Amino acid sequence: MTPGSDVIDNAPKAADTASLPSATLGGDRKRSLEQITLLFFIAVPFLALLAAVPLAWGWGVSWLDLGLLVGMYFLGCHGITIGFHRYFTHGAFKAKRPLRIALAIAGSMAVEGPLVRWVADHRKHHKFSDAEGDPHSPWRFGETVPALLKGLWWAHMGWMFDEERTPQHKYAPDLIKDTAIRRISRQFLLWTLLSLAIPPLVGGLVTGSWTGALTAFFWGSLVRVSLLHHVTWSINSICHAVGKRPFKSRDRSGNVWWLAVLSCGESWHNLHHADPTSARHGVMRGQIDSSARLIRWFERLGWAYDARWPSEARIDSRRKAENSREAAASKAA
């Protein structure tokens, strides 16, 4: 497999990136301790997610716990989708300094890794999407059923345990040069602890009990983190294996409608790979994209500007021929 030529590289070409400081605490190779820590942060919330259904069935879940789960989930999810992805990785819009910092922190509280590391991985993914060099393509091992099953596991979470890391100085020098962003990225552990601590703190204060704090931690911290992790990872795995593909892209990205709400619009993945810098991914009628809606609100509040909203002509230029004819017929009708 070879990468296509239509790669969008948003990281400025730096004459000398070797002299830049690191924006993460780890190096370019993952140590055993880091792999064990990663396994812990994946396994413990996942066990809580597995236990959530029988616990909810047997004892129920309070409105407070449910509110903390939903509130913290969508805070972190939009931090990833709007901040880490559409803004920091692809430059789909410009943000004033307070919003830039807020998005960096909100995305960090999703507990999906340091900002600069996340962006570097994703920029590399777009450079080699579903080709040799892609960090997490489900087609990595071939196209037979056994190979695809193995590839889905790799794309979903297996790739994170690979010892080799994406070189941040090569793929994200623009973010490393920003002192505040570099500091937030290096403080990932702090934002993780804060993200996990908010639900039990609120739950304990509202109920005035340790039980309230404990159940809030279970639902608002552990279950929420695991659910968000697997929804995000599903964009790498499921949305590159199945789904409708009405737009032209050089990879196998697809639109998966049933993930749209939980992924905050990211599962309209085919359009994203056809037009990576677009501020809106759900561009067709009925496609819910809460991230695009929030970006629009940020614009109206004066916090964001120069958003790259796709025009009808731009959208049509990226449709496959058969879909262009269907769209034209629909407009005529």
Protein backbone atom coordinates (compact mmCIF):
# COMPACT_ATOMS: atom_id res chain seq x y z
CA MET A 1 0.00 0.00 0.00
CA THR A 2 1.18 3.52 -0.74
CA PRO A 3 -0.15 6.83 0.52
CA GLY A 4 -2.12 9.05 -1.81
CA SER A 5 -1.00 12.47 -3.00
CA ASP A 6 -3.97 14.42 -1.65
CA VAL A 7 -2.52 14.70 1.84
CA ILE A 8 -3.28 17.79 3.85
CA ASP A 9 -0.39 18.57 6.18
CA ASN A 10 -1.28 21.37 8.59
CA ALA A 11 1.99 21.34 10.49
CA PRO A 12 4.32 24.09 9.29
CA LYS A 13 7.64 22.98 7.88
CA ALA A 14 10.20 23.89 10.50
CA ALA A 15 13.80 24.39 9.47
CA ASP A 16 15.05 22.83 12.66
CA THR A 17 12.61 20.96 14.90
CA ALA A 18 15.24 18.99 16.77
CA SER A 19 15.87 21.93 19.10
CA LEU A 20 12.22 22.15 20.16
CA PRO A 21 11.40 20.94 23.69
CA SER A 22 9.16 17.92 24.20
CA ALA A 23 5.43 18.52 24.70
CA THR A 24 4.96 15.20 26.52
CA LEU A 25 6.69 13.47 29.41
CA GLY A 26 7.55 10.36 27.37
CA GLY A 27 9.95 9.87 24.48
CA ASP A 28 9.40 8.57 20.95
CA ARG A 29 9.34 4.98 22.18
CA LYS A 30 6.86 3.65 24.74
CA ARG A 31 8.40 2.11 27.84
CA SER A 32 7.00 -0.92 29.66
CA LEU A 33 5.78 1.23 32.57
CA GLU A 34 3.86 3.46 30.19
CA GLN A 35 2.25 0.43 28.53
CA ILE A 36 1.18 -0.94 31.92
CA THR A 37 -0.23 2.46 32.91
CA LEU A 38 -2.11 2.65 29.61
CA LEU A 39 -3.55 -0.82 30.19
CA PHE A 40 -4.72 0.25 33.66
CA PHE A 41 -6.48 3.37 32.36
CA ILE A 42 -8.21 1.30 29.67
CA ALA A 43 -9.09 -1.79 31.69
CA VAL A 44 -10.48 -0.23 34.89
CA PRO A 45 -13.03 2.08 33.19
CA PHE A 46 -13.94 -0.77 30.79
CA LEU A 47 -14.69 -3.10 33.71
CA ALA A 48 -16.91 -0.35 35.12
CA LEU A 49 -18.67 -0.07 31.76
CA LEU A 50 -19.32 -3.82 31.74
CA ALA A 51 -20.72 -3.61 35.27
CA ALA A 52 -22.89 -0.59 34.47
CA VAL A 53 -25.82 -2.48 32.89
CA PRO A 54 -26.40 -5.01 35.70
CA LEU A 55 -25.89 -2.32 38.33
CA ALA A 56 -28.35 0.03 36.63
CA TRP A 57 -30.81 -2.85 36.29
CA GLY A 58 -30.49 -3.94 39.91
CA TRP A 59 -30.07 -0.68 41.81
CA GLY A 60 -30.77 2.01 39.26
CA VAL A 61 -28.83 5.18 38.59
CA SER A 62 -29.65 8.57 40.12
CA TRP A 63 -30.41 11.64 38.05
CA LEU A 64 -27.34 13.27 39.55
CA ASP A 65 -25.07 10.43 38.45
CA LEU A 66 -26.67 10.38 35.01
CA GLY A 67 -26.29 14.15 34.70
CA LEU A 68 -22.62 13.97 35.66
CA LEU A 69 -22.04 11.17 33.15
CA VAL A 70 -23.73 13.03 30.30
CA GLY A 71 -22.26 16.43 31.17
CA MET A 72 -18.69 15.21 31.57
CA TYR A 73 -19.04 12.97 28.51
CA PHE A 74 -20.02 15.74 26.13
CA LEU A 75 -17.51 18.17 27.65
CA GLY A 76 -14.69 15.76 26.87
CA CYS A 77 -16.18 14.61 23.57
CA HIS A 78 -16.50 18.14 22.20
CA GLY A 79 -13.06 18.94 23.59
CA ILE A 80 -11.74 16.13 21.37
CA THR A 81 -13.90 16.71 18.30
CA ILE A 82 -13.83 20.51 18.20
CA GLY A 83 -10.51 21.09 19.94
CA PHE A 84 -8.04 18.28 19.35
CA HIS A 85 -9.47 17.27 15.97
CA ARG A 86 -11.06 20.05 13.96
CA TYR A 87 -9.09 22.94 15.46
CA PHE A 88 -5.62 21.78 16.54
CA THR A 89 -5.16 19.00 13.97
CA HIS A 90 -6.85 20.44 10.87
CA GLY A 91 -7.25 24.18 11.47
CA ALA A 92 -10.94 24.10 10.50
CA PHE A 93 -11.39 27.48 12.22
CA LYS A 94 -9.39 30.05 14.14
CA ALA A 95 -9.90 30.65 17.85
CA LYS A 96 -9.13 33.53 20.14
CA ARG A 97 -6.65 32.76 22.88
CA PRO A 98 -9.11 32.00 25.74
CA LEU A 99 -11.05 29.54 23.54
CA ARG A 100 -7.81 27.97 22.34
CA ILE A 101 -6.76 27.28 25.93
CA ALA A 102 -10.24 26.09 26.94
CA LEU A 103 -10.38 23.62 24.03
CA ALA A 104 -6.95 22.26 24.91
CA ILE A 105 -8.01 21.63 28.51
CA ALA A 106 -11.46 20.23 27.61
CA GLY A 107 -9.89 17.79 25.15
CA SER A 108 -7.28 16.74 27.72
CA MET A 109 -10.09 15.90 30.16
CA ALA A 110 -11.32 13.22 27.75
CA VAL A 111 -8.34 11.17 28.99
CA GLU A 112 -7.18 10.21 25.49
CA GLY A 113 -3.55 11.21 25.83
CA PRO A 114 -1.55 14.46 25.69
CA LEU A 115 -2.75 17.03 23.16
CA VAL A 116 0.41 17.15 21.05
CA ARG A 117 0.70 13.36 20.93
CA TRP A 118 -2.96 13.06 19.87
CA VAL A 119 -2.55 15.62 17.10
CA ALA A 120 0.69 14.08 15.83
CA ASP A 121 -0.95 10.65 15.61
CA HIS A 122 -3.94 12.02 13.75
CA ARG A 123 -1.93 14.05 11.28
CA LYS A 124 0.10 10.95 10.49
CA HIS A 125 -3.15 9.00 10.08
CA HIS A 126 -4.34 11.46 7.44
CA LYS A 127 -1.01 11.43 5.65
CA PHE A 128 -1.13 7.62 5.22
CA SER A 129 -4.83 6.93 5.66
CA ASP A 130 -5.53 3.19 5.20
CA ALA A 131 -2.10 2.80 3.60
CA GLU A 132 1.28 1.68 4.86
CA GLY A 133 2.31 4.07 7.63
CA ASP A 134 -1.21 4.67 9.01
CA PRO A 135 -0.97 4.14 12.79
CA HIS A 136 -4.41 2.55 13.06
CA SER A 137 -5.92 1.24 9.84
CA PRO A 138 -8.25 -1.79 10.21
CA TRP A 139 -6.92 -2.98 6.82
CA ARG A 140 -3.38 -3.28 8.15
CA PHE A 141 -3.28 -7.09 7.96
CA GLY A 142 -5.24 -7.68 4.76
CA GLU A 143 -8.79 -8.03 3.50
CA THR A 144 -9.75 -11.57 4.50
CA VAL A 145 -12.24 -11.95 7.34
CA PRO A 146 -9.61 -13.12 9.88
CA ALA A 147 -7.25 -10.32 8.80
CA LEU A 148 -10.01 -7.71 9.08
CA LEU A 149 -11.03 -8.94 12.54
CA LYS A 150 -7.41 -8.64 13.62
CA GLY A 151 -7.21 -5.24 11.96
CA LEU A 152 -10.34 -3.99 13.70
CA TRP A 153 -8.82 -4.90 17.07
CA TRP A 154 -5.60 -3.14 16.07
CA ALA A 155 -7.38 0.00 14.84
CA HIS A 156 -9.67 0.14 17.86
CA MET A 157 -7.07 -0.08 20.62
CA GLY A 158 -4.19 -2.44 19.84
CA TRP A 159 -2.13 0.23 18.08
CA MET A 160 -1.85 2.23 21.31
CA PHE A 161 0.42 -0.45 22.80
CA ASP A 162 2.90 -0.27 19.95
CA GLU A 163 6.34 0.71 21.24
CA GLU A 164 6.92 3.10 18.35
CA ARG A 165 5.36 6.53 18.65
CA THR A 166 4.60 9.20 16.09
CA PRO A 167 7.42 11.80 16.24
CA GLN A 168 5.75 14.90 17.65
CA HIS A 169 8.48 17.26 16.40
CA LYS A 170 7.81 16.13 12.83
CA TYR A 171 4.01 16.22 12.89
CA ALA A 172 3.15 18.94 15.42
CA PRO A 173 5.98 21.52 15.64
CA ASP A 174 3.44 24.37 15.47
CA LEU A 175 1.84 23.26 18.74
CA ILE A 176 5.16 22.60 20.48
CA LYS A 177 6.21 26.18 19.75
CA ASP A 178 3.19 27.50 21.68
CA THR A 179 4.34 27.64 25.31
CA ALA A 180 0.84 27.44 26.82
CA ILE A 181 -0.24 24.54 24.61
CA ARG A 182 3.02 22.72 25.27
CA ARG A 183 2.48 23.15 29.01
CA ILE A 184 -1.10 21.85 28.85
CA SER A 185 0.08 18.86 26.84
CA ARG A 186 2.80 18.06 29.37
CA GLN A 187 0.27 18.41 32.22
CA PHE A 188 -1.90 15.59 30.88
CA LEU A 189 -1.78 13.71 34.19
CA LEU A 190 -3.11 16.78 36.02
CA TRP A 191 -6.08 17.12 33.64
CA THR A 192 -6.75 13.39 33.92
CA LEU A 193 -6.90 13.58 37.71
CA LEU A 194 -9.12 16.66 37.53
CA SER A 195 -11.45 14.93 35.06
CA LEU A 196 -11.78 11.90 37.33
CA ALA A 197 -12.14 14.01 40.49
CA ILE A 198 -14.93 16.38 39.42
CA PRO A 199 -17.82 13.85 39.46
CA PRO A 200 -17.16 12.42 42.95
CA LEU A 201 -16.51 15.92 44.30
CA VAL A 202 -19.83 17.19 42.95
CA GLY A 203 -21.64 13.99 43.91
CA GLY A 204 -20.30 14.09 47.45
CA LEU A 205 -21.10 17.77 47.96
CA VAL A 206 -24.63 17.54 46.54
CA THR A 207 -25.62 14.40 48.47
CA GLY A 208 -23.51 15.12 51.51
CA SER A 209 -22.40 11.50 51.61
CA TRP A 210 -19.50 9.23 50.67
CA THR A 211 -21.98 6.98 48.89
CA GLY A 212 -22.96 9.87 46.61
CA ALA A 213 -19.29 10.51 45.88
CA LEU A 214 -18.66 6.82 45.15
CA THR A 215 -21.59 6.36 42.77
CA ALA A 216 -20.73 9.64 41.02
CA PHE A 217 -17.17 8.39 40.54
CA PHE A 218 -18.45 5.11 39.12
CA TRP A 219 -20.86 6.67 36.61
CA GLY A 220 -19.41 10.12 36.01
CA SER A 221 -15.75 9.11 35.94
CA LEU A 222 -15.18 5.43 35.12
CA VAL A 223 -18.20 4.59 32.95
CA ARG A 224 -18.04 7.96 31.20
CA VAL A 225 -14.33 7.65 30.35
CA SER A 226 -14.68 4.12 28.99
CA LEU A 227 -17.76 4.97 26.91
CA LEU A 228 -16.03 8.01 25.40
CA HIS A 229 -12.88 6.00 24.71
CA HIS A 230 -14.69 3.31 22.78
CA VAL A 231 -16.82 5.76 20.81
CA THR A 232 -13.69 7.69 19.80
CA TRP A 233 -11.79 4.53 18.92
CA SER A 234 -14.76 3.35 16.86
CA ILE A 235 -14.07 6.20 14.44
CA ASN A 236 -10.67 4.60 13.78
CA SER A 237 -12.00 1.07 13.51
CA ILE A 238 -15.69 0.87 12.54
CA CYS A 239 -15.77 4.02 10.41
CA HIS A 240 -12.84 2.77 8.33
CA ALA A 241 -14.37 -0.67 7.79
CA VAL A 242 -18.07 -0.08 7.12
CA GLY A 243 -20.47 2.75 6.32
CA LYS A 244 -21.74 4.63 3.29
CA ARG A 245 -19.20 6.41 1.10
CA PRO A 246 -20.97 9.09 -0.95
CA PHE A 247 -17.83 11.25 -1.23
CA LYS A 248 -14.53 10.73 -3.01
CA SER A 249 -11.65 9.86 -0.68
CA ARG A 250 -8.47 7.86 -1.20
CA ASP A 251 -9.21 5.61 1.77
CA ARG A 252 -12.08 3.50 3.10
CA SER A 253 -13.63 6.01 5.48
CA GLY A 254 -17.39 5.64 5.79
CA ASN A 255 -20.40 7.36 7.34
CA VAL A 256 -21.88 5.44 10.29
CA TRP A 257 -25.15 7.13 11.27
CA TRP A 258 -25.76 5.33 14.57
CA LEU A 259 -22.57 6.78 16.05
CA ALA A 260 -23.36 10.39 15.09
CA VAL A 261 -24.83 11.63 18.39
CA LEU A 262 -22.35 9.89 20.69
CA SER A 263 -19.40 10.92 18.50
CA CYS A 264 -20.60 14.55 18.31
CA GLY A 265 -20.68 14.39 14.52
CA GLU A 266 -17.37 12.62 13.92
CA SER A 267 -18.90 9.47 12.45
CA TRP A 268 -19.78 11.33 9.23
CA HIS A 269 -16.27 10.23 8.48
CA ASN A 270 -16.35 9.90 4.72
CA LEU A 271 -16.87 13.63 4.18
CA HIS A 272 -14.13 14.37 6.69
CA HIS A 273 -11.58 12.38 4.71
CA ALA A 274 -12.85 13.87 1.47
CA ASP A 275 -12.47 17.40 2.91
CA PRO A 276 -10.33 17.23 6.11
CA THR A 277 -10.31 20.97 6.90
CA SER A 278 -14.10 21.37 6.78
CA ALA A 279 -15.58 22.69 10.02
CA ARG A 280 -18.68 20.59 9.43
CA HIS A 281 -18.66 16.83 8.85
CA GLY A 282 -22.39 16.16 8.67
CA VAL A 283 -23.15 18.10 5.50
CA MET A 284 -26.14 16.17 4.15
CA ARG A 285 -29.78 16.56 5.15
CA GLY A 286 -30.52 15.08 8.58
CA GLN A 287 -26.88 14.48 9.54
CA ILE A 288 -26.52 15.58 13.16
CA ASP A 289 -23.21 17.33 13.91
CA SER A 290 -23.21 18.97 17.35
CA SER A 291 -19.55 19.95 17.00
CA ALA A 292 -20.30 22.06 13.94
CA ARG A 293 -23.23 23.67 15.77
CA LEU A 294 -21.00 24.66 18.67
CA ILE A 295 -18.36 26.08 16.32
CA ARG A 296 -21.10 28.20 14.77
CA TRP A 297 -22.10 29.46 18.22
CA PHE A 298 -18.47 30.25 19.03
CA GLU A 299 -18.37 32.34 15.85
CA ARG A 300 -21.49 34.27 16.82
CA LEU A 301 -20.05 34.96 20.27
CA GLY A 302 -16.87 36.29 18.66
CA TRP A 303 -14.68 33.56 20.13
CA ALA A 304 -13.96 31.83 16.80
CA TYR A 305 -13.56 33.16 13.28
CA ASP A 306 -12.56 32.18 9.73
CA ALA A 307 -14.32 28.82 10.03
CA ARG A 308 -14.05 26.74 6.88
CA TRP A 309 -17.73 26.10 6.20
CA PRO A 310 -18.18 24.01 3.04
CA SER A 311 -20.20 25.63 0.26
CA GLU A 312 -22.68 23.64 -1.82
CA ALA A 313 -20.26 23.80 -4.74
CA ARG A 314 -17.42 22.45 -2.61
CA ILE A 315 -19.58 19.62 -1.28
CA ASP A 316 -20.80 18.71 -4.79
CA SER A 317 -17.21 18.67 -6.10
CA ARG A 318 -16.39 15.94 -3.64
CA ARG A 319 -19.35 13.71 -4.36
CA LYS A 320 -18.91 10.51 -6.32
CA ALA A 321 -20.42 10.70 -9.79
CA GLU A 322 -23.47 8.58 -8.99
CA ASN A 323 -24.17 10.58 -5.83
CA SER A 324 -23.82 13.87 -7.73
CA ARG A 325 -26.60 12.75 -10.08
CA GLU A 326 -28.83 11.75 -7.15
CA ALA A 327 -28.21 15.09 -5.41
CA ALA A 328 -29.01 17.03 -8.58
CA ALA A 329 -32.23 15.07 -9.06
CA SER A 330 -33.22 15.70 -5.45
CA LYS A 331 -32.70 19.46 -5.84
CA ALA A 332 -34.68 19.50 -9.09
CA ALA A 333 -37.58 17.70 -7.43
